[in-house]
Amino acid sequence: MATLDTSSPHSLTVTGARTADAAEVINGARERIDALDDRIIGLIQERMAVSAVIQDARISSGGRRVNLSREMEVLAHYRDALGRPGTTLAMTLLELCRGRI
């Protein structure tokens, strides 16, 4: 990722900061967020692959692709950890992990 010149007025505009020091903090934090997002995406992709293995095993044994009681456990886990928005996040995650076989 390219580093912005925090002394330039453009850098202040891009970050929304009013000082060069604040722009520098924001740019550093944004770089960290970008790295975290990359890790999160990688973990989601890994979860999708593991979910596909589970679904394949379940279907191969004559079961259904989706286990609704397990999905309810996942929803509750995310809700308990993150509050109401956690449920929405879990729903999106479950949607990503369904039907990849």
PDB file of N, CA and C in Angstrom:
ATOM      1  N   MET A   1       0.845  -1.173   0.000  1.00  0.00           N
ATOM      2  CA  MET A   1       0.000   0.000   0.000  1.00  0.00           C
ATOM      3  C   MET A   1       0.887   1.232   0.000  1.00  0.00           C
ATOM      4  N   ALA A   2       0.550   2.218  -0.802  1.00  0.00           N
ATOM      5  CA  ALA A   2       1.328   3.449  -0.887  1.00  0.00           C
ATOM      6  C   ALA A   2       1.072   4.298   0.347  1.00  0.00           C
ATOM      7  N   THR A   3       2.130   4.915   0.843  1.00  0.00           N
ATOM      8  CA  THR A   3       2.010   5.794   1.989  1.00  0.00           C
ATOM      9  C   THR A   3       1.752   7.205   1.496  1.00  0.00           C
ATOM     10  N   LEU A   4       0.756   7.839   2.089  1.00  0.00           N
ATOM     11  CA  LEU A   4       0.440   9.207   1.705  1.00  0.00           C
ATOM     12  C   LEU A   4       1.377  10.177   2.397  1.00  0.00           C
ATOM     13  N   ASP A   5       1.642  11.265   1.737  1.00  0.00           N
ATOM     14  CA  ASP A   5       2.422  12.341   2.339  1.00  0.00           C
ATOM     15  C   ASP A   5       1.492  13.083   3.294  1.00  0.00           C
ATOM     16  N   THR A   6       1.648  12.807   4.599  1.00  0.00           N
ATOM     17  CA  THR A   6       0.720  13.375   5.575  1.00  0.00           C
ATOM     18  C   THR A   6       0.896  14.872   5.754  1.00  0.00           C
ATOM     19  N   SER A   7       1.921  15.446   5.145  1.00  0.00           N
ATOM     20  CA  SER A   7       2.102  16.893   5.253  1.00  0.00           C
ATOM     21  C   SER A   7       1.333  17.638   4.168  1.00  0.00           C
ATOM     22  N   SER A   8       0.787  16.903   3.196  1.00  0.00           N
ATOM     23  CA  SER A   8       0.084  17.569   2.100  1.00  0.00           C
ATOM     24  C   SER A   8      -1.373  17.808   2.463  1.00  0.00           C
ATOM     25  N   PRO A   9      -1.947  18.874   1.931  1.00  0.00           N
ATOM     26  CA  PRO A   9      -3.366  19.138   2.166  1.00  0.00           C
ATOM     27  C   PRO A   9      -4.257  18.010   1.642  1.00  0.00           C
ATOM     28  N   HIS A  10      -3.819  17.332   0.561  1.00  0.00           N
ATOM     29  CA  HIS A  10      -4.596  16.222   0.010  1.00  0.00           C
ATOM     30  C   HIS A  10      -4.745  15.109   1.042  1.00  0.00           C
ATOM     31  N   SER A  11      -3.686  14.800   1.775  1.00  0.00           N
ATOM     32  CA  SER A  11      -3.731  13.752   2.776  1.00  0.00           C
ATOM     33  C   SER A  11      -4.754  14.078   3.858  1.00  0.00           C
ATOM     34  N   LEU A  12      -4.813  15.338   4.233  1.00  0.00           N
ATOM     35  CA  LEU A  12      -5.785  15.745   5.247  1.00  0.00           C
ATOM     36  C   LEU A  12      -7.205  15.557   4.722  1.00  0.00           C
ATOM     37  N   THR A  13      -7.416  15.874   3.448  1.00  0.00           N
ATOM     38  CA  THR A  13      -8.734  15.717   2.851  1.00  0.00           C
ATOM     39  C   THR A  13      -9.118  14.244   2.758  1.00  0.00           C
ATOM     40  N   VAL A  14      -8.198  13.397   2.330  1.00  0.00           N
ATOM     41  CA  VAL A  14      -8.471  11.971   2.155  1.00  0.00           C
ATOM     42  C   VAL A  14      -8.816  11.317   3.492  1.00  0.00           C
ATOM     43  N   THR A  15      -8.169  11.715   4.549  1.00  0.00           N
ATOM     44  CA  THR A  15      -8.394  11.084   5.847  1.00  0.00           C
ATOM     45  C   THR A  15      -9.514  11.749   6.633  1.00  0.00           C
ATOM     46  N   GLY A  16      -9.857  12.970   6.269  1.00  0.00           N
ATOM     47  CA  GLY A  16     -10.837  13.718   7.042  1.00  0.00           C
ATOM     48  C   GLY A  16     -10.225  14.385   8.259  1.00  0.00           C
ATOM     49  N   ALA A  17      -8.902  14.263   8.397  1.00  0.00           N
ATOM     50  CA  ALA A  17      -8.205  14.847   9.543  1.00  0.00           C
ATOM     51  C   ALA A  17      -8.014  16.341   9.344  1.00  0.00           C
ATOM     52  N   ARG A  18      -7.782  17.021  10.442  1.00  0.00           N
ATOM     53  CA  ARG A  18      -7.538  18.464  10.378  1.00  0.00           C
ATOM     54  C   ARG A  18      -6.107  18.828  10.674  1.00  0.00           C
ATOM     55  N   THR A  19      -5.316  17.809  11.050  1.00  0.00           N
ATOM     56  CA  THR A  19      -3.891  18.056  11.288  1.00  0.00           C
ATOM     57  C   THR A  19      -3.082  16.931  10.648  1.00  0.00           C
ATOM     58  N   ALA A  20      -1.830  17.227  10.365  1.00  0.00           N
ATOM     59  CA  ALA A  20      -0.941  16.218   9.785  1.00  0.00           C
ATOM     60  C   ALA A  20      -0.736  15.059  10.752  1.00  0.00           C
ATOM     61  N   ASP A  21      -0.647  15.358  12.056  1.00  0.00           N
ATOM     62  CA  ASP A  21      -0.474  14.288  13.043  1.00  0.00           C
ATOM     63  C   ASP A  21      -1.662  13.332  13.034  1.00  0.00           C
ATOM     64  N   ALA A  22      -2.860  13.899  12.981  1.00  0.00           N
ATOM     65  CA  ALA A  22      -4.060  13.051  12.945  1.00  0.00           C
ATOM     66  C   ALA A  22      -4.108  12.238  11.658  1.00  0.00           C
ATOM     67  N   ALA A  23      -3.728  12.863  10.534  1.00  0.00           N
ATOM     68  CA  ALA A  23      -3.719  12.156   9.253  1.00  0.00           C
ATOM     69  C   ALA A  23      -2.744  10.985   9.303  1.00  0.00           C
ATOM     70  N   GLU A  24      -1.614  11.164   9.950  1.00  0.00           N
ATOM     71  CA  GLU A  24      -0.623  10.092  10.073  1.00  0.00           C
ATOM     72  C   GLU A  24      -1.183   8.939  10.897  1.00  0.00           C
ATOM     73  N   VAL A  25      -1.843   9.249  11.996  1.00  0.00           N
ATOM     74  CA  VAL A  25      -2.458   8.212  12.839  1.00  0.00           C
ATOM     75  C   VAL A  25      -3.520   7.458  12.033  1.00  0.00           C
ATOM     76  N   ILE A  26      -4.353   8.209  11.329  1.00  0.00           N
ATOM     77  CA  ILE A  26      -5.424   7.598  10.543  1.00  0.00           C
ATOM     78  C   ILE A  26      -4.852   6.700   9.455  1.00  0.00           C
ATOM     79  N   ASN A  27      -3.846   7.179   8.738  1.00  0.00           N
ATOM     80  CA  ASN A  27      -3.243   6.365   7.679  1.00  0.00           C
ATOM     81  C   ASN A  27      -2.658   5.072   8.235  1.00  0.00           C
ATOM     82  N   GLY A  28      -1.971   5.159   9.362  1.00  0.00           N
ATOM     83  CA  GLY A  28      -1.416   3.956   9.988  1.00  0.00           C
ATOM     84  C   GLY A  28      -2.508   2.992  10.422  1.00  0.00           C
ATOM     85  N   ALA A  29      -3.564   3.524  11.010  1.00  0.00           N
ATOM     86  CA  ALA A  29      -4.675   2.672  11.455  1.00  0.00           C
ATOM     87  C   ALA A  29      -5.391   2.047  10.264  1.00  0.00           C
ATOM     88  N   ARG A  30      -5.521   2.791   9.186  1.00  0.00           N
ATOM     89  CA  ARG A  30      -6.165   2.237   7.987  1.00  0.00           C
ATOM     90  C   ARG A  30      -5.341   1.100   7.391  1.00  0.00           C
ATOM     91  N   GLU A  31      -4.036   1.235   7.423  1.00  0.00           N
ATOM     92  CA  GLU A  31      -3.181   0.151   6.940  1.00  0.00           C
ATOM     93  C   GLU A  31      -3.386  -1.101   7.787  1.00  0.00           C
ATOM     94  N   ARG A  32      -3.516  -0.904   9.092  1.00  0.00           N
ATOM     95  CA  ARG A  32      -3.757  -2.043   9.988  1.00  0.00           C
ATOM     96  C   ARG A  32      -5.126  -2.660   9.711  1.00  0.00           C
ATOM     97  N   ILE A  33      -6.136  -1.835   9.490  1.00  0.00           N
ATOM     98  CA  ILE A  33      -7.473  -2.345   9.162  1.00  0.00           C
ATOM     99  C   ILE A  33      -7.433  -3.134   7.865  1.00  0.00           C
ATOM    100  N   ASP A  34      -6.732  -2.623   6.859  1.00  0.00           N
ATOM    101  CA  ASP A  34      -6.625  -3.340   5.584  1.00  0.00           C
ATOM    102  C   ASP A  34      -5.983  -4.712   5.793  1.00  0.00           C
ATOM    103  N   ALA A  35      -4.954  -4.779   6.623  1.00  0.00           N
ATOM    104  CA  ALA A  35      -4.297  -6.059   6.904  1.00  0.00           C
ATOM    105  C   ALA A  35      -5.248  -6.997   7.656  1.00  0.00           C
ATOM    106  N   LEU A  36      -5.987  -6.457   8.611  1.00  0.00           N
ATOM    107  CA  LEU A  36      -6.967  -7.263   9.338  1.00  0.00           C
ATOM    108  C   LEU A  36      -8.055  -7.772   8.397  1.00  0.00           C
ATOM    109  N   ASP A  37      -8.528  -6.912   7.507  1.00  0.00           N
ATOM    110  CA  ASP A  37      -9.545  -7.330   6.540  1.00  0.00           C
ATOM    111  C   ASP A  37      -9.035  -8.468   5.670  1.00  0.00           C
ATOM    112  N   ASP A  38      -7.775  -8.393   5.248  1.00  0.00           N
ATOM    113  CA  ASP A  38      -7.197  -9.481   4.451  1.00  0.00           C
ATOM    114  C   ASP A  38      -7.192 -10.788   5.242  1.00  0.00           C
ATOM    115  N   ARG A  39      -6.853 -10.713   6.523  1.00  0.00           N
ATOM    116  CA  ARG A  39      -6.855 -11.911   7.369  1.00  0.00           C
ATOM    117  C   ARG A  39      -8.271 -12.445   7.551  1.00  0.00           C
ATOM    118  N   ILE A  40      -9.232 -11.546   7.771  1.00  0.00           N
ATOM    119  CA  ILE A  40     -10.624 -11.955   7.945  1.00  0.00           C
ATOM    120  C   ILE A  40     -11.130 -12.651   6.687  1.00  0.00           C
ATOM    121  N   ILE A  41     -10.845 -12.083   5.533  1.00  0.00           N
ATOM    122  CA  ILE A  41     -11.259 -12.697   4.265  1.00  0.00           C
ATOM    123  C   ILE A  41     -10.644 -14.083   4.125  1.00  0.00           C
ATOM    124  N   GLY A  42      -9.380 -14.219   4.462  1.00  0.00           N
ATOM    125  CA  GLY A  42      -8.730 -15.527   4.408  1.00  0.00           C
ATOM    126  C   GLY A  42      -9.391 -16.532   5.342  1.00  0.00           C
ATOM    127  N   LEU A  43      -9.750 -16.099   6.534  1.00  0.00           N
ATOM    128  CA  LEU A  43     -10.416 -16.984   7.478  1.00  0.00           C
ATOM    129  C   LEU A  43     -11.804 -17.381   6.986  1.00  0.00           C
ATOM    130  N   ILE A  44     -12.507 -16.442   6.376  1.00  0.00           N
ATOM    131  CA  ILE A  44     -13.826 -16.762   5.820  1.00  0.00           C
ATOM    132  C   ILE A  44     -13.686 -17.788   4.704  1.00  0.00           C
ATOM    133  N   GLN A  45     -12.704 -17.607   3.848  1.00  0.00           N
ATOM    134  CA  GLN A  45     -12.475 -18.577   2.772  1.00  0.00           C
ATOM    135  C   GLN A  45     -12.133 -19.947   3.352  1.00  0.00           C
ATOM    136  N   GLU A  46     -11.355 -19.978   4.406  1.00  0.00           N
ATOM    137  CA  GLU A  46     -11.023 -21.245   5.065  1.00  0.00           C
ATOM    138  C   GLU A  46     -12.280 -21.877   5.669  1.00  0.00           C
ATOM    139  N   ARG A  47     -13.122 -21.051   6.289  1.00  0.00           N
ATOM    140  CA  ARG A  47     -14.379 -21.547   6.862  1.00  0.00           C
ATOM    141  C   ARG A  47     -15.282 -22.121   5.775  1.00  0.00           C
ATOM    142  N   MET A  48     -15.326 -21.464   4.627  1.00  0.00           N
ATOM    143  CA  MET A  48     -16.125 -21.956   3.507  1.00  0.00           C
ATOM    144  C   MET A  48     -15.647 -23.336   3.060  1.00  0.00           C
ATOM    145  N   ALA A  49     -14.354 -23.526   3.016  1.00  0.00           N
ATOM    146  CA  ALA A  49     -13.790 -24.816   2.601  1.00  0.00           C
ATOM    147  C   ALA A  49     -14.122 -25.907   3.616  1.00  0.00           C
ATOM    148  N   VAL A  50     -14.004 -25.602   4.895  1.00  0.00           N
ATOM    149  CA  VAL A  50     -14.323 -26.580   5.939  1.00  0.00           C
ATOM    150  C   VAL A  50     -15.817 -26.906   5.906  1.00  0.00           C
ATOM    151  N   SER A  51     -16.633 -25.898   5.714  1.00  0.00           N
ATOM    152  CA  SER A  51     -18.076 -26.105   5.615  1.00  0.00           C
ATOM    153  C   SER A  51     -18.424 -27.020   4.445  1.00  0.00           C
ATOM    154  N   ALA A  52     -17.729 -26.845   3.330  1.00  0.00           N
ATOM    155  CA  ALA A  52     -17.968 -27.698   2.161  1.00  0.00           C
ATOM    156  C   ALA A  52     -17.643 -29.161   2.479  1.00  0.00           C
ATOM    157  N   VAL A  53     -16.591 -29.402   3.253  1.00  0.00           N
ATOM    158  CA  VAL A  53     -16.234 -30.758   3.662  1.00  0.00           C
ATOM    159  C   VAL A  53     -17.357 -31.359   4.512  1.00  0.00           C
ATOM    160  N   ILE A  54     -17.867 -30.572   5.445  1.00  0.00           N
ATOM    161  CA  ILE A  54     -18.956 -31.035   6.318  1.00  0.00           C
ATOM    162  C   ILE A  54     -20.201 -31.342   5.492  1.00  0.00           C
ATOM    163  N   GLN A  55     -20.553 -30.445   4.599  1.00  0.00           N
ATOM    164  CA  GLN A  55     -21.742 -30.648   3.773  1.00  0.00           C
ATOM    165  C   GLN A  55     -21.597 -31.883   2.899  1.00  0.00           C
ATOM    166  N   ASP A  56     -20.428 -32.074   2.322  1.00  0.00           N
ATOM    167  CA  ASP A  56     -20.183 -33.236   1.475  1.00  0.00           C
ATOM    168  C   ASP A  56     -20.345 -34.524   2.283  1.00  0.00           C
ATOM    169  N   ALA A  57     -19.774 -34.552   3.480  1.00  0.00           N
ATOM    170  CA  ALA A  57     -19.880 -35.738   4.333  1.00  0.00           C
ATOM    171  C   ALA A  57     -21.338 -35.986   4.719  1.00  0.00           C
ATOM    172  N   ARG A  58     -22.056 -34.925   5.041  1.00  0.00           N
ATOM    173  CA  ARG A  58     -23.451 -35.064   5.442  1.00  0.00           C
ATOM    174  C   ARG A  58     -24.290 -35.597   4.280  1.00  0.00           C
ATOM    175  N   ILE A  59     -24.119 -35.023   3.082  1.00  0.00           N
ATOM    176  CA  ILE A  59     -24.877 -35.438   1.903  1.00  0.00           C
ATOM    177  C   ILE A  59     -24.505 -36.867   1.503  1.00  0.00           C
ATOM    178  N   SER A  60     -23.222 -37.177   1.549  1.00  0.00           N
ATOM    179  CA  SER A  60     -22.759 -38.531   1.181  1.00  0.00           C
ATOM    180  C   SER A  60     -23.348 -39.602   2.094  1.00  0.00           C
ATOM    181  N   SER A  61     -23.645 -39.222   3.316  1.00  0.00           N
ATOM    182  CA  SER A  61     -24.203 -40.186   4.264  1.00  0.00           C
ATOM    183  C   SER A  61     -25.732 -40.218   4.205  1.00  0.00           C
ATOM    184  N   GLY A  62     -26.304 -39.465   3.266  1.00  0.00           N
ATOM    185  CA  GLY A  62     -27.757 -39.454   3.121  1.00  0.00           C
ATOM    186  C   GLY A  62     -28.448 -38.341   3.871  1.00  0.00           C
ATOM    187  N   GLY A  63     -27.683 -37.461   4.464  1.00  0.00           N
ATOM    188  CA  GLY A  63     -28.272 -36.356   5.220  1.00  0.00           C
ATOM    189  C   GLY A  63     -28.527 -35.134   4.354  1.00  0.00           C
ATOM    190  N   ARG A  64     -29.007 -34.100   5.004  1.00  0.00           N
ATOM    191  CA  ARG A  64     -29.287 -32.839   4.322  1.00  0.00           C
ATOM    192  C   ARG A  64     -28.029 -31.975   4.291  1.00  0.00           C
ATOM    193  N   ARG A  65     -27.985 -31.066   3.336  1.00  0.00           N
ATOM    194  CA  ARG A  65     -26.837 -30.171   3.183  1.00  0.00           C
ATOM    195  C   ARG A  65     -26.706 -29.243   4.388  1.00  0.00           C
ATOM    196  N   VAL A  66     -27.825 -28.769   4.903  1.00  0.00           N
ATOM    197  CA  VAL A  66     -27.830 -27.779   5.984  1.00  0.00           C
ATOM    198  C   VAL A  66     -28.399 -28.402   7.253  1.00  0.00           C
ATOM    199  N   ASN A  67     -27.761 -28.105   8.390  1.00  0.00           N
ATOM    200  CA  ASN A  67     -28.225 -28.541   9.696  1.00  0.00           C
ATOM    201  C   ASN A  67     -28.726 -27.289  10.421  1.00  0.00           C
ATOM    202  N   LEU A  68     -30.039 -27.106  10.449  1.00  0.00           N
ATOM    203  CA  LEU A  68     -30.611 -25.871  10.991  1.00  0.00           C
ATOM    204  C   LEU A  68     -30.323 -25.672  12.474  1.00  0.00           C
ATOM    205  N   SER A  69     -30.275 -26.743  13.242  1.00  0.00           N
ATOM    206  CA  SER A  69     -29.975 -26.569  14.674  1.00  0.00           C
ATOM    207  C   SER A  69     -28.548 -26.062  14.863  1.00  0.00           C
ATOM    208  N   ARG A  70     -27.637 -26.537  14.042  1.00  0.00           N
ATOM    209  CA  ARG A  70     -26.251 -26.046  14.112  1.00  0.00           C
ATOM    210  C   ARG A  70     -26.185 -24.582  13.705  1.00  0.00           C
ATOM    211  N   GLU A  71     -26.942 -24.220  12.668  1.00  0.00           N
ATOM    212  CA  GLU A  71     -26.951 -22.820  12.241  1.00  0.00           C
ATOM    213  C   GLU A  71     -27.493 -21.914  13.352  1.00  0.00           C
ATOM    214  N   MET A  72     -28.485 -22.394  14.091  1.00  0.00           N
ATOM    215  CA  MET A  72     -29.014 -21.608  15.209  1.00  0.00           C
ATOM    216  C   MET A  72     -27.944 -21.411  16.293  1.00  0.00           C
ATOM    217  N   GLU A  73     -27.116 -22.436  16.510  1.00  0.00           N
ATOM    218  CA  GLU A  73     -26.011 -22.316  17.469  1.00  0.00           C
ATOM    219  C   GLU A  73     -25.020 -21.239  17.013  1.00  0.00           C
ATOM    220  N   VAL A  74     -24.712 -21.245  15.720  1.00  0.00           N
ATOM    221  CA  VAL A  74     -23.777 -20.256  15.168  1.00  0.00           C
ATOM    222  C   VAL A  74     -24.366 -18.853  15.323  1.00  0.00           C
ATOM    223  N   LEU A  75     -25.635 -18.688  14.988  1.00  0.00           N
ATOM    224  CA  LEU A  75     -26.290 -17.379  15.126  1.00  0.00           C
ATOM    225  C   LEU A  75     -26.242 -16.891  16.567  1.00  0.00           C
ATOM    226  N   ALA A  76     -26.542 -17.779  17.507  1.00  0.00           N
ATOM    227  CA  ALA A  76     -26.520 -17.406  18.924  1.00  0.00           C
ATOM    228  C   ALA A  76     -25.107 -17.032  19.376  1.00  0.00           C
ATOM    229  N   HIS A  77     -24.119 -17.762  18.890  1.00  0.00           N
ATOM    230  CA  HIS A  77     -22.719 -17.486  19.262  1.00  0.00           C
ATOM    231  C   HIS A  77     -22.316 -16.078  18.820  1.00  0.00           C
ATOM    232  N   TYR A  78     -22.620 -15.737  17.593  1.00  0.00           N
ATOM    233  CA  TYR A  78     -22.279 -14.405  17.082  1.00  0.00           C
ATOM    234  C   TYR A  78     -23.089 -13.317  17.772  1.00  0.00           C
ATOM    235  N   ARG A  79     -24.371 -13.579  18.014  1.00  0.00           N
ATOM    236  CA  ARG A  79     -25.210 -12.595  18.706  1.00  0.00           C
ATOM    237  C   ARG A  79     -24.690 -12.350  20.123  1.00  0.00           C
ATOM    238  N   ASP A  80     -24.338 -13.426  20.821  1.00  0.00           N
ATOM    239  CA  ASP A  80     -23.841 -13.287  22.185  1.00  0.00           C
ATOM    240  C   ASP A  80     -22.516 -12.524  22.228  1.00  0.00           C
ATOM    241  N   ALA A  81     -21.671 -12.756  21.229  1.00  0.00           N
ATOM    242  CA  ALA A  81     -20.358 -12.114  21.204  1.00  0.00           C
ATOM    243  C   ALA A  81     -20.411 -10.671  20.701  1.00  0.00           C
ATOM    244  N   LEU A  82     -21.310 -10.383  19.752  1.00  0.00           N
ATOM    245  CA  LEU A  82     -21.274  -9.089  19.063  1.00  0.00           C
ATOM    246  C   LEU A  82     -22.578  -8.296  19.146  1.00  0.00           C
ATOM    247  N   GLY A  83     -23.564  -8.837  19.825  1.00  0.00           N
ATOM    248  CA  GLY A  83     -24.845  -8.145  19.900  1.00  0.00           C
ATOM    249  C   GLY A  83     -25.669  -8.377  18.641  1.00  0.00           C
ATOM    250  N   ARG A  84     -26.699  -7.599  18.504  1.00  0.00           N
ATOM    251  CA  ARG A  84     -27.629  -7.781  17.390  1.00  0.00           C
ATOM    252  C   ARG A  84     -26.960  -7.771  16.009  1.00  0.00           C
ATOM    253  N   PRO A  85     -26.003  -6.865  15.763  1.00  0.00           N
ATOM    254  CA  PRO A  85     -25.333  -6.905  14.454  1.00  0.00           C
ATOM    255  C   PRO A  85     -24.587  -8.224  14.215  1.00  0.00           C
ATOM    256  N   GLY A  86     -24.221  -8.924  15.274  1.00  0.00           N
ATOM    257  CA  GLY A  86     -23.560 -10.211  15.133  1.00  0.00           C
ATOM    258  C   GLY A  86     -24.444 -11.228  14.433  1.00  0.00           C
ATOM    259  N   THR A  87     -25.759 -11.134  14.669  1.00  0.00           N
ATOM    260  CA  THR A  87     -26.695 -12.031  13.999  1.00  0.00           C
ATOM    261  C   THR A  87     -26.662 -11.803  12.496  1.00  0.00           C
ATOM    262  N   THR A  88     -26.650 -10.549  12.092  1.00  0.00           N
ATOM    263  CA  THR A  88     -26.587 -10.223  10.665  1.00  0.00           C
ATOM    264  C   THR A  88     -25.286 -10.724  10.052  1.00  0.00           C
ATOM    265  N   LEU A  89     -24.197 -10.522  10.765  1.00  0.00           N
ATOM    266  CA  LEU A  89     -22.901 -11.005  10.287  1.00  0.00           C
ATOM    267  C   LEU A  89     -22.912 -12.524  10.141  1.00  0.00           C
ATOM    268  N   ALA A  90     -23.459 -13.217  11.137  1.00  0.00           N
ATOM    269  CA  ALA A  90     -23.520 -14.673  11.086  1.00  0.00           C
ATOM    270  C   ALA A  90     -24.395 -15.151   9.930  1.00  0.00           C
ATOM    271  N   MET A  91     -25.498 -14.465   9.686  1.00  0.00           N
ATOM    272  CA  MET A  91     -26.369 -14.846   8.565  1.00  0.00           C
ATOM    273  C   MET A  91     -25.612 -14.735   7.247  1.00  0.00           C
ATOM    274  N   THR A  92     -24.848 -13.672   7.094  1.00  0.00           N
ATOM    275  CA  THR A  92     -24.052 -13.494   5.873  1.00  0.00           C
ATOM    276  C   THR A  92     -23.005 -14.588   5.764  1.00  0.00           C
ATOM    277  N   LEU A  93     -22.356 -14.886   6.855  1.00  0.00           N
ATOM    278  CA  LEU A  93     -21.338 -15.934   6.869  1.00  0.00           C
ATOM    279  C   LEU A  93     -21.945 -17.287   6.519  1.00  0.00           C
ATOM    280  N   LEU A  94     -23.087 -17.601   7.103  1.00  0.00           N
ATOM    281  CA  LEU A  94     -23.750 -18.865   6.798  1.00  0.00           C
ATOM    282  C   LEU A  94     -24.166 -18.926   5.336  1.00  0.00           C
ATOM    283  N   GLU A  95     -24.633 -17.819   4.811  1.00  0.00           N
ATOM    284  CA  GLU A  95     -25.014 -17.774   3.395  1.00  0.00           C
ATOM    285  C   GLU A  95     -23.806 -18.044   2.504  1.00  0.00           C
ATOM    286  N   LEU A  96     -22.670 -17.457   2.845  1.00  0.00           N
ATOM    287  CA  LEU A  96     -21.452 -17.683   2.070  1.00  0.00           C
ATOM    288  C   LEU A  96     -21.032 -19.154   2.098  1.00  0.00           C
ATOM    289  N   CYS A  97     -21.312 -19.823   3.205  1.00  0.00           N
ATOM    290  CA  CYS A  97     -20.826 -21.186   3.391  1.00  0.00           C
ATOM    291  C   CYS A  97     -21.803 -22.254   2.909  1.00  0.00           C
ATOM    292  N   ARG A  98     -22.995 -21.873   2.525  1.00  0.00           N
ATOM    293  CA  ARG A  98     -23.977 -22.855   2.042  1.00  0.00           C
ATOM    294  C   ARG A  98     -23.817 -23.103   0.546  1.00  0.00           C
ATOM    295  N   GLY A  99     -24.127 -24.315   0.156  1.00  0.00           N
ATOM    296  CA  GLY A  99     -24.296 -24.628  -1.255  1.00  0.00           C
ATOM    297  C   GLY A  99     -23.080 -24.544  -2.136  1.00  0.00           C
ATOM    298  N   ARG A 100     -21.914 -24.778  -1.596  1.00  0.00           N
ATOM    299  CA  ARG A 100     -20.699 -24.698  -2.379  1.00  0.00           C
ATOM    300  C   ARG A 100     -20.325 -26.036  -2.994  1.00  0.00           C
ATOM    301  N   ILE A 101     -21.156 -27.042  -2.823  1.00  0.00           N
ATOM    302  CA  ILE A 101     -20.840 -28.382  -3.333  1.00  0.00           C
ATOM    303  C   ILE A 101     -21.437 -28.537  -4.711  1.00  0.00           C
TER     304      ILE A 101
END
